[in-house]
Amino acid sequence: MIAINFNKFERVSGLFVMIFVVSGVVGAVFVAIKRNWFAPKIQLVTDFENAEGVHSGTEVRIAGLRAGSVDKVDLLENNKIRVNFEVLEKFKPKIREDSKAQLIRPFVIGERVLEVTVGSSTSPEIQDRAVLSAHETMDIMTILSGRHLSDYLSKLNGLLTNARLLIEAFTSTHRTENFVKTIDQVEPLVRNLNTMSEEVIKLSRQATRKDNLGTVLGNLSITTNHLNHMIPVIQEKAPELSQDMINLLQNLAVLTENFKLLTPTIIEMAPQLPKTSRRAVEALDETVVLLKALQKSIFLRSSVDDVRKEETKRRVPAGD
């Protein structure tokens, strides 16, 4: 076996290389420990409708603290995005069955992180490989992304089209005048509604004062009970009453029709009725004066006395 002899410079170089390798290994172990690569973890799963910006290695946070990372992202048959991620086991007591997974951006710009909300103390603790319910969120960068921006622009285009049609409709003078008239009629309508509401309040106060409404309803109930007892008796004692009522209504209808025919004549004669009535009264007064004058004459006085005696005897009953 051949012995290899290293000179002084080779030995110093080898020592530096060995120190560098050991330092690298120690640094790698330190970084692994710092990043919790060797710490126990639990696997969790969640499904998103839109997982834009999520990839293997995406940071997982709980209450703002780094708690793990995303392992794998898959597209399911129902077009949902399944995200498999791991969380440090020390955070397991904080994750409950009512916890939710959501995608957020710590800043306005930057990569999205998977945030797991802290569950309530009354909910059971989550188990390994459990499925968390997802909560869809939106942010400015997601809205401005090309995938969603086209949809928003198409909706905005439809909104502007409708606004254009509305503006064109109001450019018509006739429609504008009708719209202004409608607005002018709103104020009287509101005033009338206010007045009506005040009157209804007054009516309700009158109805509820001293339990008037209750008294009226009680009396109405008593009247109804009496009518319920009276109607069978009326039907039994006077079965023809209903027919008489029908005849009465028919006669009233005929009378109403006749009054309709007489109404124009009455309206035509109405202005002359006061004058005619006054002339008739004057004629009666003159007739009374004439008759009294005739009674006082010499030839008719005795005849008048005889007539009065006969009328007196006729009015006295025979038995008297």
C-alpha atoms as a PDB file:
ATOM      1  CA  MET A   1       0.000   0.000   0.000  1.00  0.00           C
ATOM      2  CA  ILE A   2       1.433   3.289  -1.091  1.00  0.00           C
ATOM      3  CA  ALA A   3       1.610   5.938   1.592  1.00  0.00           C
ATOM      4  CA  ILE A   4       0.469   9.371   0.536  1.00  0.00           C
ATOM      5  CA  ASN A   5       2.319  12.235   2.016  1.00  0.00           C
ATOM      6  CA  PHE A   6       0.608  15.659   2.091  1.00  0.00           C
ATOM      7  CA  ASN A   7       2.639  18.736   2.291  1.00  0.00           C
ATOM      8  CA  LYS A   8       1.802  21.646   4.533  1.00  0.00           C
ATOM      9  CA  PHE A   9      -0.339  23.561   1.998  1.00  0.00           C
ATOM     10  CA  GLU A  10      -2.384  20.493   1.071  1.00  0.00           C
ATOM     11  CA  ARG A  11      -3.098  19.766   4.721  1.00  0.00           C
ATOM     12  CA  VAL A  12      -4.274  23.371   5.325  1.00  0.00           C
ATOM     13  CA  SER A  13      -6.501  23.270   2.218  1.00  0.00           C
ATOM     14  CA  GLY A  14      -8.016  19.945   3.261  1.00  0.00           C
ATOM     15  CA  LEU A  15      -8.719  21.323   6.728  1.00  0.00           C
ATOM     16  CA  PHE A  16     -10.561  24.334   5.224  1.00  0.00           C
ATOM     17  CA  VAL A  17     -12.587  22.053   2.937  1.00  0.00           C
ATOM     18  CA  MET A  18     -13.545  19.817   5.864  1.00  0.00           C
ATOM     19  CA  ILE A  19     -14.567  22.839   7.956  1.00  0.00           C
ATOM     20  CA  PHE A  20     -16.672  24.169   5.044  1.00  0.00           C
ATOM     21  CA  VAL A  21     -18.439  20.816   4.574  1.00  0.00           C
ATOM     22  CA  VAL A  22     -19.130  20.447   8.273  1.00  0.00           C
ATOM     23  CA  SER A  23     -20.391  24.041   8.415  1.00  0.00           C
ATOM     24  CA  GLY A  24     -22.721  23.386   5.458  1.00  0.00           C
ATOM     25  CA  VAL A  25     -24.099  20.240   7.068  1.00  0.00           C
ATOM     26  CA  VAL A  26     -24.585  22.009  10.401  1.00  0.00           C
ATOM     27  CA  GLY A  27     -26.237  24.973   8.623  1.00  0.00           C
ATOM     28  CA  ALA A  28     -28.555  22.681   6.685  1.00  0.00           C
ATOM     29  CA  VAL A  29     -29.553  20.882   9.883  1.00  0.00           C
ATOM     30  CA  PHE A  30     -30.089  24.209  11.615  1.00  0.00           C
ATOM     31  CA  VAL A  31     -32.266  25.494   8.753  1.00  0.00           C
ATOM     32  CA  ALA A  32     -34.227  22.235   8.730  1.00  0.00           C
ATOM     33  CA  ILE A  33     -34.819  22.517  12.449  1.00  0.00           C
ATOM     34  CA  LYS A  34     -35.687  26.211  12.070  1.00  0.00           C
ATOM     35  CA  ARG A  35     -38.213  25.414   9.335  1.00  0.00           C
ATOM     36  CA  ASN A  36     -39.631  22.516  11.330  1.00  0.00           C
ATOM     37  CA  TRP A  37     -38.708  19.976   8.650  1.00  0.00           C
ATOM     38  CA  PHE A  38     -38.293  17.274  11.253  1.00  0.00           C
ATOM     39  CA  ALA A  39     -41.239  18.345  13.465  1.00  0.00           C
ATOM     40  CA  PRO A  40     -44.320  16.053  13.501  1.00  0.00           C
ATOM     41  CA  LYS A  41     -47.109  17.190  11.176  1.00  0.00           C
ATOM     42  CA  ILE A  42     -50.707  16.327  10.322  1.00  0.00           C
ATOM     43  CA  GLN A  43     -52.167  16.101   6.829  1.00  0.00           C
ATOM     44  CA  LEU A  44     -55.336  18.018   5.936  1.00  0.00           C
ATOM     45  CA  VAL A  45     -57.409  18.448   2.770  1.00  0.00           C
ATOM     46  CA  THR A  46     -59.703  21.171   1.430  1.00  0.00           C
ATOM     47  CA  ASP A  47     -61.494  21.912  -1.861  1.00  0.00           C
ATOM     48  CA  PHE A  48     -61.699  25.327  -3.553  1.00  0.00           C
ATOM     49  CA  GLU A  49     -63.729  26.602  -6.489  1.00  0.00           C
ATOM     50  CA  ASN A  50     -60.808  28.824  -7.479  1.00  0.00           C
ATOM     51  CA  ALA A  51     -57.285  28.205  -6.200  1.00  0.00           C
ATOM     52  CA  GLU A  52     -55.427  30.679  -8.410  1.00  0.00           C
ATOM     53  CA  GLY A  53     -51.871  31.246  -7.241  1.00  0.00           C
ATOM     54  CA  VAL A  54     -51.732  28.133  -5.030  1.00  0.00           C
ATOM     55  CA  HIS A  55     -48.964  25.602  -5.705  1.00  0.00           C
ATOM     56  CA  SER A  56     -46.836  23.069  -3.938  1.00  0.00           C
ATOM     57  CA  GLY A  57     -44.914  24.911  -1.237  1.00  0.00           C
ATOM     58  CA  THR A  58     -47.506  27.646  -0.652  1.00  0.00           C
ATOM     59  CA  GLU A  59     -47.320  28.805   2.952  1.00  0.00           C
ATOM     60  CA  VAL A  60     -50.020  27.738   5.431  1.00  0.00           C
ATOM     61  CA  ARG A  61     -50.818  30.089   8.310  1.00  0.00           C
ATOM     62  CA  ILE A  62     -52.890  29.913  11.459  1.00  0.00           C
ATOM     63  CA  ALA A  63     -53.717  33.208  13.189  1.00  0.00           C
ATOM     64  CA  GLY A  64     -50.962  34.865  11.128  1.00  0.00           C
ATOM     65  CA  LEU A  65     -48.271  32.340  12.180  1.00  0.00           C
ATOM     66  CA  ARG A  66     -46.491  30.026   9.773  1.00  0.00           C
ATOM     67  CA  ALA A  67     -47.910  26.571  10.466  1.00  0.00           C
ATOM     68  CA  GLY A  68     -47.098  24.466   7.420  1.00  0.00           C
ATOM     69  CA  SER A  69     -47.138  24.325   3.645  1.00  0.00           C
ATOM     70  CA  VAL A  70     -49.081  22.937   0.695  1.00  0.00           C
ATOM     71  CA  ASP A  71     -48.011  19.501  -0.497  1.00  0.00           C
ATOM     72  CA  LYS A  72     -50.066  18.929  -3.633  1.00  0.00           C
ATOM     73  CA  VAL A  73     -52.752  20.611  -5.765  1.00  0.00           C
ATOM     74  CA  ASP A  74     -55.098  18.501  -7.936  1.00  0.00           C
ATOM     75  CA  LEU A  75     -58.027  19.215 -10.265  1.00  0.00           C
ATOM     76  CA  LEU A  76     -61.056  17.016  -9.501  1.00  0.00           C
ATOM     77  CA  GLU A  77     -63.714  15.752 -11.909  1.00  0.00           C
ATOM     78  CA  ASN A  78     -66.260  18.297 -10.633  1.00  0.00           C
ATOM     79  CA  ASN A  79     -63.810  21.115 -11.565  1.00  0.00           C
ATOM     80  CA  LYS A  80     -62.970  21.801  -7.936  1.00  0.00           C
ATOM     81  CA  ILE A  81     -59.377  22.264  -6.790  1.00  0.00           C
ATOM     82  CA  ARG A  82     -58.250  19.836  -4.100  1.00  0.00           C
ATOM     83  CA  VAL A  83     -55.430  21.155  -1.947  1.00  0.00           C
ATOM     84  CA  ASN A  84     -53.448  18.766   0.277  1.00  0.00           C
ATOM     85  CA  PHE A  85     -51.429  20.541   2.950  1.00  0.00           C
ATOM     86  CA  GLU A  86     -49.613  19.776   6.164  1.00  0.00           C
ATOM     87  CA  VAL A  87     -49.745  21.573   9.497  1.00  0.00           C
ATOM     88  CA  LEU A  88     -47.408  21.301  12.448  1.00  0.00           C
ATOM     89  CA  GLU A  89     -48.852  19.025  15.101  1.00  0.00           C
ATOM     90  CA  LYS A  90     -48.440  21.684  17.782  1.00  0.00           C
ATOM     91  CA  PHE A  91     -51.209  23.698  16.034  1.00  0.00           C
ATOM     92  CA  LYS A  92     -53.582  20.732  16.003  1.00  0.00           C
ATOM     93  CA  PRO A  93     -55.471  21.741  19.218  1.00  0.00           C
ATOM     94  CA  LYS A  94     -56.358  25.061  17.561  1.00  0.00           C
ATOM     95  CA  ILE A  95     -57.895  23.435  14.482  1.00  0.00           C
ATOM     96  CA  ARG A  96     -61.465  22.311  15.098  1.00  0.00           C
ATOM     97  CA  GLU A  97     -64.208  20.877  12.935  1.00  0.00           C
ATOM     98  CA  ASP A  98     -65.707  24.362  12.457  1.00  0.00           C
ATOM     99  CA  SER A  99     -62.384  25.780  11.241  1.00  0.00           C
ATOM    100  CA  LYS A 100     -62.278  26.981   7.640  1.00  0.00           C
ATOM    101  CA  ALA A 101     -59.565  27.201   5.001  1.00  0.00           C
ATOM    102  CA  GLN A 102     -59.324  30.354   2.899  1.00  0.00           C
ATOM    103  CA  LEU A 103     -56.869  31.922   0.472  1.00  0.00           C
ATOM    104  CA  ILE A 104     -55.676  35.432   1.349  1.00  0.00           C
ATOM    105  CA  ARG A 105     -52.892  37.841   0.450  1.00  0.00           C
ATOM    106  CA  PRO A 106     -50.922  39.192   3.399  1.00  0.00           C
ATOM    107  CA  PHE A 107     -50.368  42.364   1.391  1.00  0.00           C
ATOM    108  CA  VAL A 108     -52.147  44.006  -1.519  1.00  0.00           C
ATOM    109  CA  ILE A 109     -49.667  42.408  -3.894  1.00  0.00           C
ATOM    110  CA  GLY A 110     -47.760  39.204  -3.406  1.00  0.00           C
ATOM    111  CA  GLU A 111     -48.428  35.509  -3.335  1.00  0.00           C
ATOM    112  CA  ARG A 112     -51.497  34.086  -1.697  1.00  0.00           C
ATOM    113  CA  VAL A 113     -51.243  31.988   1.445  1.00  0.00           C
ATOM    114  CA  LEU A 114     -53.574  29.356   2.829  1.00  0.00           C
ATOM    115  CA  GLU A 115     -55.118  30.643   6.053  1.00  0.00           C
ATOM    116  CA  VAL A 116     -56.756  28.203   8.505  1.00  0.00           C
ATOM    117  CA  THR A 117     -59.079  29.854  11.016  1.00  0.00           C
ATOM    118  CA  VAL A 118     -58.969  28.963  14.700  1.00  0.00           C
ATOM    119  CA  GLY A 119     -61.966  26.847  15.725  1.00  0.00           C
ATOM    120  CA  SER A 120     -64.215  27.341  18.713  1.00  0.00           C
ATOM    121  CA  SER A 121     -63.461  25.571  21.971  1.00  0.00           C
ATOM    122  CA  THR A 122     -66.841  23.803  21.933  1.00  0.00           C
ATOM    123  CA  SER A 123     -66.207  22.117  18.584  1.00  0.00           C
ATOM    124  CA  PRO A 124     -64.404  18.723  18.441  1.00  0.00           C
ATOM    125  CA  GLU A 125     -60.725  18.671  17.554  1.00  0.00           C
ATOM    126  CA  ILE A 126     -59.810  17.908  13.934  1.00  0.00           C
ATOM    127  CA  GLN A 127     -58.360  14.518  13.033  1.00  0.00           C
ATOM    128  CA  ASP A 128     -55.463  13.690  10.747  1.00  0.00           C
ATOM    129  CA  ARG A 129     -56.318  13.666   6.980  1.00  0.00           C
ATOM    130  CA  ALA A 130     -59.653  15.345   7.659  1.00  0.00           C
ATOM    131  CA  VAL A 131     -61.367  17.580   5.093  1.00  0.00           C
ATOM    132  CA  LEU A 132     -61.784  21.239   6.056  1.00  0.00           C
ATOM    133  CA  SER A 133     -64.585  23.323   4.576  1.00  0.00           C
ATOM    134  CA  ALA A 134     -63.335  26.099   2.290  1.00  0.00           C
ATOM    135  CA  HIS A 135     -64.320  29.757   2.356  1.00  0.00           C
ATOM    136  CA  GLU A 136     -63.978  31.500  -1.011  1.00  0.00           C
ATOM    137  CA  THR A 137     -62.463  34.990  -0.827  1.00  0.00           C
ATOM    138  CA  MET A 138     -61.751  37.746  -3.342  1.00  0.00           C
ATOM    139  CA  ASP A 139     -59.042  40.388  -3.395  1.00  0.00           C
ATOM    140  CA  ILE A 140     -57.971  43.196  -5.695  1.00  0.00           C
ATOM    141  CA  MET A 141     -55.363  41.148  -7.552  1.00  0.00           C
ATOM    142  CA  THR A 142     -57.840  38.309  -8.112  1.00  0.00           C
ATOM    143  CA  ILE A 143     -60.438  40.728  -9.449  1.00  0.00           C
ATOM    144  CA  LEU A 144     -57.887  42.340 -11.779  1.00  0.00           C
ATOM    145  CA  SER A 145     -56.641  39.002 -13.076  1.00  0.00           C
ATOM    146  CA  GLY A 146     -57.355  38.216 -16.730  1.00  0.00           C
ATOM    147  CA  ARG A 147     -59.610  35.305 -15.817  1.00  0.00           C
ATOM    148  CA  HIS A 148     -62.150  37.463 -13.971  1.00  0.00           C
ATOM    149  CA  LEU A 149     -61.558  40.844 -15.566  1.00  0.00           C
ATOM    150  CA  SER A 150     -63.172  39.810 -18.867  1.00  0.00           C
ATOM    151  CA  ASP A 151     -66.342  38.675 -17.044  1.00  0.00           C
ATOM    152  CA  TYR A 152     -66.497  41.936 -15.106  1.00  0.00           C
ATOM    153  CA  LEU A 153     -65.954  43.968 -18.275  1.00  0.00           C
ATOM    154  CA  SER A 154     -68.742  42.091 -20.080  1.00  0.00           C
ATOM    155  CA  LYS A 155     -71.110  42.769 -17.171  1.00  0.00           C
ATOM    156  CA  LEU A 156     -70.015  46.411 -17.142  1.00  0.00           C
ATOM    157  CA  ASN A 157     -70.703  46.564 -20.881  1.00  0.00           C
ATOM    158  CA  GLY A 158     -74.240  45.270 -20.303  1.00  0.00           C
ATOM    159  CA  LEU A 159     -74.725  47.825 -17.521  1.00  0.00           C
ATOM    160  CA  LEU A 160     -73.548  50.656 -19.783  1.00  0.00           C
ATOM    161  CA  THR A 161     -75.884  49.436 -22.542  1.00  0.00           C
ATOM    162  CA  ASN A 162     -78.830  49.556 -20.163  1.00  0.00           C
ATOM    163  CA  ALA A 163     -77.754  53.008 -18.970  1.00  0.00           C
ATOM    164  CA  ARG A 164     -77.585  54.185 -22.598  1.00  0.00           C
ATOM    165  CA  LEU A 165     -81.119  52.929 -23.246  1.00  0.00           C
ATOM    166  CA  LEU A 166     -82.307  54.710 -20.105  1.00  0.00           C
ATOM    167  CA  ILE A 167     -80.641  57.966 -21.142  1.00  0.00           C
ATOM    168  CA  GLU A 168     -82.108  57.724 -24.622  1.00  0.00           C
ATOM    169  CA  ALA A 169     -85.546  57.159 -23.109  1.00  0.00           C
ATOM    170  CA  PHE A 170     -85.224  60.298 -20.965  1.00  0.00           C
ATOM    171  CA  THR A 171     -84.098  62.395 -23.902  1.00  0.00           C
ATOM    172  CA  SER A 172     -87.705  62.232 -25.108  1.00  0.00           C
ATOM    173  CA  THR A 173     -89.487  65.452 -24.080  1.00  0.00           C
ATOM    174  CA  HIS A 174     -92.820  63.676 -23.602  1.00  0.00           C
ATOM    175  CA  ARG A 175     -91.374  61.045 -21.266  1.00  0.00           C
ATOM    176  CA  THR A 176     -89.428  63.639 -19.322  1.00  0.00           C
ATOM    177  CA  GLU A 177     -92.560  65.747 -18.812  1.00  0.00           C
ATOM    178  CA  ASN A 178     -94.504  62.682 -17.661  1.00  0.00           C
ATOM    179  CA  PHE A 179     -91.704  61.782 -15.274  1.00  0.00           C
ATOM    180  CA  VAL A 180     -91.696  65.306 -13.819  1.00  0.00           C
ATOM    181  CA  LYS A 181     -95.494  65.198 -13.457  1.00  0.00           C
ATOM    182  CA  THR A 182     -95.205  61.884 -11.655  1.00  0.00           C
ATOM    183  CA  ILE A 183     -92.668  63.352  -9.233  1.00  0.00           C
ATOM    184  CA  ASP A 184     -94.939  66.372  -8.680  1.00  0.00           C
ATOM    185  CA  GLN A 185     -97.812  64.052  -7.793  1.00  0.00           C
ATOM    186  CA  VAL A 186     -95.729  62.143  -5.269  1.00  0.00           C
ATOM    187  CA  GLU A 187     -95.773  64.972  -2.707  1.00  0.00           C
ATOM    188  CA  PRO A 188     -99.613  65.265  -2.582  1.00  0.00           C
ATOM    189  CA  LEU A 189     -99.815  61.491  -2.423  1.00  0.00           C
ATOM    190  CA  VAL A 190     -97.451  61.381   0.542  1.00  0.00           C
ATOM    191  CA  ARG A 191     -99.375  64.229   2.205  1.00  0.00           C
ATOM    192  CA  ASN A 192    -102.658  62.381   1.728  1.00  0.00           C
ATOM    193  CA  LEU A 193    -101.124  59.196   3.083  1.00  0.00           C
ATOM    194  CA  ASN A 194     -99.876  61.128   6.108  1.00  0.00           C
ATOM    195  CA  THR A 195    -103.350  62.596   6.674  1.00  0.00           C
ATOM    196  CA  MET A 196    -104.946  59.176   6.256  1.00  0.00           C
ATOM    197  CA  SER A 197    -102.521  57.654   8.741  1.00  0.00           C
ATOM    198  CA  GLU A 198    -103.312  60.417  11.261  1.00  0.00           C
ATOM    199  CA  GLU A 199    -107.049  59.812  10.810  1.00  0.00           C
ATOM    200  CA  VAL A 200    -106.549  56.070  11.227  1.00  0.00           C
ATOM    201  CA  ILE A 201    -104.610  56.730  14.432  1.00  0.00           C
ATOM    202  CA  LYS A 202    -107.448  58.945  15.710  1.00  0.00           C
ATOM    203  CA  LEU A 203    -109.996  56.294  14.766  1.00  0.00           C
ATOM    204  CA  SER A 204    -108.005  53.596  16.499  1.00  0.00           C
ATOM    205  CA  ARG A 205    -107.703  55.766  19.607  1.00  0.00           C
ATOM    206  CA  GLN A 206    -111.457  56.327  19.626  1.00  0.00           C
ATOM    207  CA  ALA A 207    -112.057  52.626  19.120  1.00  0.00           C
ATOM    208  CA  THR A 208    -109.716  51.636  21.930  1.00  0.00           C
ATOM    209  CA  ARG A 209    -110.782  54.382  24.351  1.00  0.00           C
ATOM    210  CA  LYS A 210    -112.601  52.877  27.322  1.00  0.00           C
ATOM    211  CA  ASP A 211    -112.618  49.574  25.446  1.00  0.00           C
ATOM    212  CA  ASN A 212    -115.206  50.893  22.956  1.00  0.00           C
ATOM    213  CA  LEU A 213    -114.152  48.427  20.295  1.00  0.00           C
ATOM    214  CA  GLY A 214    -114.486  45.537  22.708  1.00  0.00           C
ATOM    215  CA  THR A 215    -117.939  46.761  23.720  1.00  0.00           C
ATOM    216  CA  VAL A 216    -119.046  47.076  20.086  1.00  0.00           C
ATOM    217  CA  LEU A 217    -117.757  43.611  19.255  1.00  0.00           C
ATOM    218  CA  GLY A 218    -119.442  42.197  22.359  1.00  0.00           C
ATOM    219  CA  ASN A 219    -122.767  43.798  21.438  1.00  0.00           C
ATOM    220  CA  LEU A 220    -122.367  42.580  17.883  1.00  0.00           C
ATOM    221  CA  SER A 221    -121.798  39.065  19.174  1.00  0.00           C
ATOM    222  CA  ILE A 222    -124.948  39.299  21.339  1.00  0.00           C
ATOM    223  CA  THR A 223    -126.952  40.647  18.384  1.00  0.00           C
ATOM    224  CA  THR A 224    -125.679  37.833  16.196  1.00  0.00           C
ATOM    225  CA  ASN A 225    -126.698  35.246  18.783  1.00  0.00           C
ATOM    226  CA  HIS A 226    -130.183  36.777  19.008  1.00  0.00           C
ATOM    227  CA  LEU A 227    -130.499  36.763  15.235  1.00  0.00           C
ATOM    228  CA  ASN A 228    -129.439  33.129  15.146  1.00  0.00           C
ATOM    229  CA  HIS A 229    -132.316  32.339  17.523  1.00  0.00           C
ATOM    230  CA  MET A 230    -134.814  34.585  15.709  1.00  0.00           C
ATOM    231  CA  ILE A 231    -134.212  33.468  12.137  1.00  0.00           C
ATOM    232  CA  PRO A 232    -135.487  29.874  12.623  1.00  0.00           C
ATOM    233  CA  VAL A 233    -138.604  31.219  14.429  1.00  0.00           C
ATOM    234  CA  ILE A 234    -139.272  33.696  11.622  1.00  0.00           C
ATOM    235  CA  GLN A 235    -138.875  30.962   9.019  1.00  0.00           C
ATOM    236  CA  GLU A 236    -141.291  28.750  10.957  1.00  0.00           C
ATOM    237  CA  LYS A 237    -143.964  31.396  11.744  1.00  0.00           C
ATOM    238  CA  ALA A 238    -143.781  33.341   8.514  1.00  0.00           C
ATOM    239  CA  PRO A 239    -142.557  31.096   5.700  1.00  0.00           C
ATOM    240  CA  GLU A 240    -143.929  33.512   3.130  1.00  0.00           C
ATOM    241  CA  LEU A 241    -141.794  36.381   4.497  1.00  0.00           C
ATOM    242  CA  SER A 242    -138.993  35.669   2.063  1.00  0.00           C
ATOM    243  CA  GLN A 243    -141.388  35.813  -0.872  1.00  0.00           C
ATOM    244  CA  ASP A 244    -142.849  39.073   0.471  1.00  0.00           C
ATOM    245  CA  MET A 245    -139.340  40.497   0.724  1.00  0.00           C
ATOM    246  CA  ILE A 246    -138.689  39.497  -2.879  1.00  0.00           C
ATOM    247  CA  ASN A 247    -141.937  41.167  -3.993  1.00  0.00           C
ATOM    248  CA  LEU A 248    -141.049  44.249  -1.968  1.00  0.00           C
ATOM    249  CA  LEU A 249    -137.665  44.487  -3.647  1.00  0.00           C
ATOM    250  CA  GLN A 250    -139.252  44.022  -7.063  1.00  0.00           C
ATOM    251  CA  ASN A 251    -141.800  46.764  -6.315  1.00  0.00           C
ATOM    252  CA  LEU A 252    -138.991  49.038  -5.141  1.00  0.00           C
ATOM    253  CA  ALA A 253    -137.173  48.365  -8.386  1.00  0.00           C
ATOM    254  CA  VAL A 254    -140.295  49.219 -10.406  1.00  0.00           C
ATOM    255  CA  LEU A 255    -140.829  52.345  -8.299  1.00  0.00           C
ATOM    256  CA  THR A 256    -137.245  53.365  -8.874  1.00  0.00           C
ATOM    257  CA  GLU A 257    -137.644  52.983 -12.630  1.00  0.00           C
ATOM    258  CA  ASN A 258    -140.806  55.095 -12.516  1.00  0.00           C
ATOM    259  CA  PHE A 259    -139.029  57.763 -10.501  1.00  0.00           C
ATOM    260  CA  LYS A 260    -136.335  57.792 -13.158  1.00  0.00           C
ATOM    261  CA  LEU A 261    -139.015  58.637 -15.697  1.00  0.00           C
ATOM    262  CA  LEU A 262    -140.564  61.314 -13.452  1.00  0.00           C
ATOM    263  CA  THR A 263    -137.297  62.895 -12.426  1.00  0.00           C
ATOM    264  CA  PRO A 264    -136.852  65.022 -15.604  1.00  0.00           C
ATOM    265  CA  THR A 265    -140.435  66.373 -15.242  1.00  0.00           C
ATOM    266  CA  ILE A 266    -139.907  67.149 -11.560  1.00  0.00           C
ATOM    267  CA  ILE A 267    -136.636  68.869 -12.336  1.00  0.00           C
ATOM    268  CA  GLU A 268    -138.371  70.897 -15.044  1.00  0.00           C
ATOM    269  CA  MET A 269    -141.210  71.931 -12.711  1.00  0.00           C
ATOM    270  CA  ALA A 270    -139.011  72.503  -9.679  1.00  0.00           C
ATOM    271  CA  PRO A 271    -138.321  76.210 -10.316  1.00  0.00           C
ATOM    272  CA  GLN A 272    -142.119  76.877 -10.571  1.00  0.00           C
ATOM    273  CA  LEU A 273    -143.181  74.920  -7.456  1.00  0.00           C
ATOM    274  CA  PRO A 274    -142.521  77.695  -4.879  1.00  0.00           C
ATOM    275  CA  LYS A 275    -144.463  80.235  -6.947  1.00  0.00           C
ATOM    276  CA  THR A 276    -147.369  77.818  -7.569  1.00  0.00           C
ATOM    277  CA  SER A 277    -147.544  76.863  -3.883  1.00  0.00           C
ATOM    278  CA  ARG A 278    -147.600  80.535  -2.876  1.00  0.00           C
ATOM    279  CA  ARG A 279    -150.383  81.307  -5.369  1.00  0.00           C
ATOM    280  CA  ALA A 280    -152.411  78.326  -4.097  1.00  0.00           C
ATOM    281  CA  VAL A 281    -152.122  79.555  -0.495  1.00  0.00           C
ATOM    282  CA  GLU A 282    -153.174  83.061  -1.525  1.00  0.00           C
ATOM    283  CA  ALA A 283    -156.192  81.605  -3.378  1.00  0.00           C
ATOM    284  CA  LEU A 284    -157.230  79.639  -0.297  1.00  0.00           C
ATOM    285  CA  ASP A 285    -156.936  82.785   1.852  1.00  0.00           C
ATOM    286  CA  GLU A 286    -159.128  84.711  -0.558  1.00  0.00           C
ATOM    287  CA  THR A 287    -161.683  81.859  -0.624  1.00  0.00           C
ATOM    288  CA  VAL A 288    -161.866  81.833   3.188  1.00  0.00           C
ATOM    289  CA  VAL A 289    -162.377  85.600   3.273  1.00  0.00           C
ATOM    290  CA  LEU A 290    -165.117  85.345   0.625  1.00  0.00           C
ATOM    291  CA  LEU A 291    -166.908  82.550   2.487  1.00  0.00           C
ATOM    292  CA  LYS A 292    -166.787  84.449   5.786  1.00  0.00           C
ATOM    293  CA  ALA A 293    -168.157  87.529   4.063  1.00  0.00           C
ATOM    294  CA  LEU A 294    -171.007  85.503   2.574  1.00  0.00           C
ATOM    295  CA  GLN A 295    -171.818  83.999   5.996  1.00  0.00           C
ATOM    296  CA  LYS A 296    -172.266  87.446   7.442  1.00  0.00           C
ATOM    297  CA  SER A 297    -174.787  88.427   4.805  1.00  0.00           C
ATOM    298  CA  ILE A 298    -178.458  88.617   5.804  1.00  0.00           C
ATOM    299  CA  PHE A 299    -179.685  85.998   3.347  1.00  0.00           C
ATOM    300  CA  LEU A 300    -177.154  83.240   4.176  1.00  0.00           C
ATOM    301  CA  ARG A 301    -176.805  83.670   7.967  1.00  0.00           C
ATOM    302  CA  SER A 302    -179.863  81.601   8.878  1.00  0.00           C
ATOM    303  CA  SER A 303    -178.988  78.866   6.392  1.00  0.00           C
ATOM    304  CA  VAL A 304    -175.450  78.654   7.833  1.00  0.00           C
ATOM    305  CA  ASP A 305    -176.825  78.241  11.368  1.00  0.00           C
ATOM    306  CA  ASP A 306    -179.114  75.412  10.224  1.00  0.00           C
ATOM    307  CA  VAL A 307    -176.224  73.573   8.527  1.00  0.00           C
ATOM    308  CA  ARG A 308    -174.056  73.861  11.639  1.00  0.00           C
ATOM    309  CA  LYS A 309    -176.813  72.371  13.814  1.00  0.00           C
ATOM    310  CA  GLU A 310    -177.233  69.420  11.424  1.00  0.00           C
ATOM    311  CA  GLU A 311    -173.461  68.788  11.385  1.00  0.00           C
ATOM    312  CA  THR A 312    -173.382  68.882  15.207  1.00  0.00           C
ATOM    313  CA  LYS A 313    -176.206  66.321  15.464  1.00  0.00           C
ATOM    314  CA  ARG A 314    -174.518  64.074  12.891  1.00  0.00           C
ATOM    315  CA  ARG A 315    -171.183  64.094  14.683  1.00  0.00           C
ATOM    316  CA  VAL A 316    -172.740  63.236  18.107  1.00  0.00           C
ATOM    317  CA  PRO A 317    -173.002  59.403  18.451  1.00  0.00           C
ATOM    318  CA  ALA A 318    -176.509  57.941  18.636  1.00  0.00           C
ATOM    319  CA  GLY A 319    -175.829  56.341  22.075  1.00  0.00           C
ATOM    320  CA  ASP A 320    -175.074  59.713  23.635  1.00  0.00           C
END
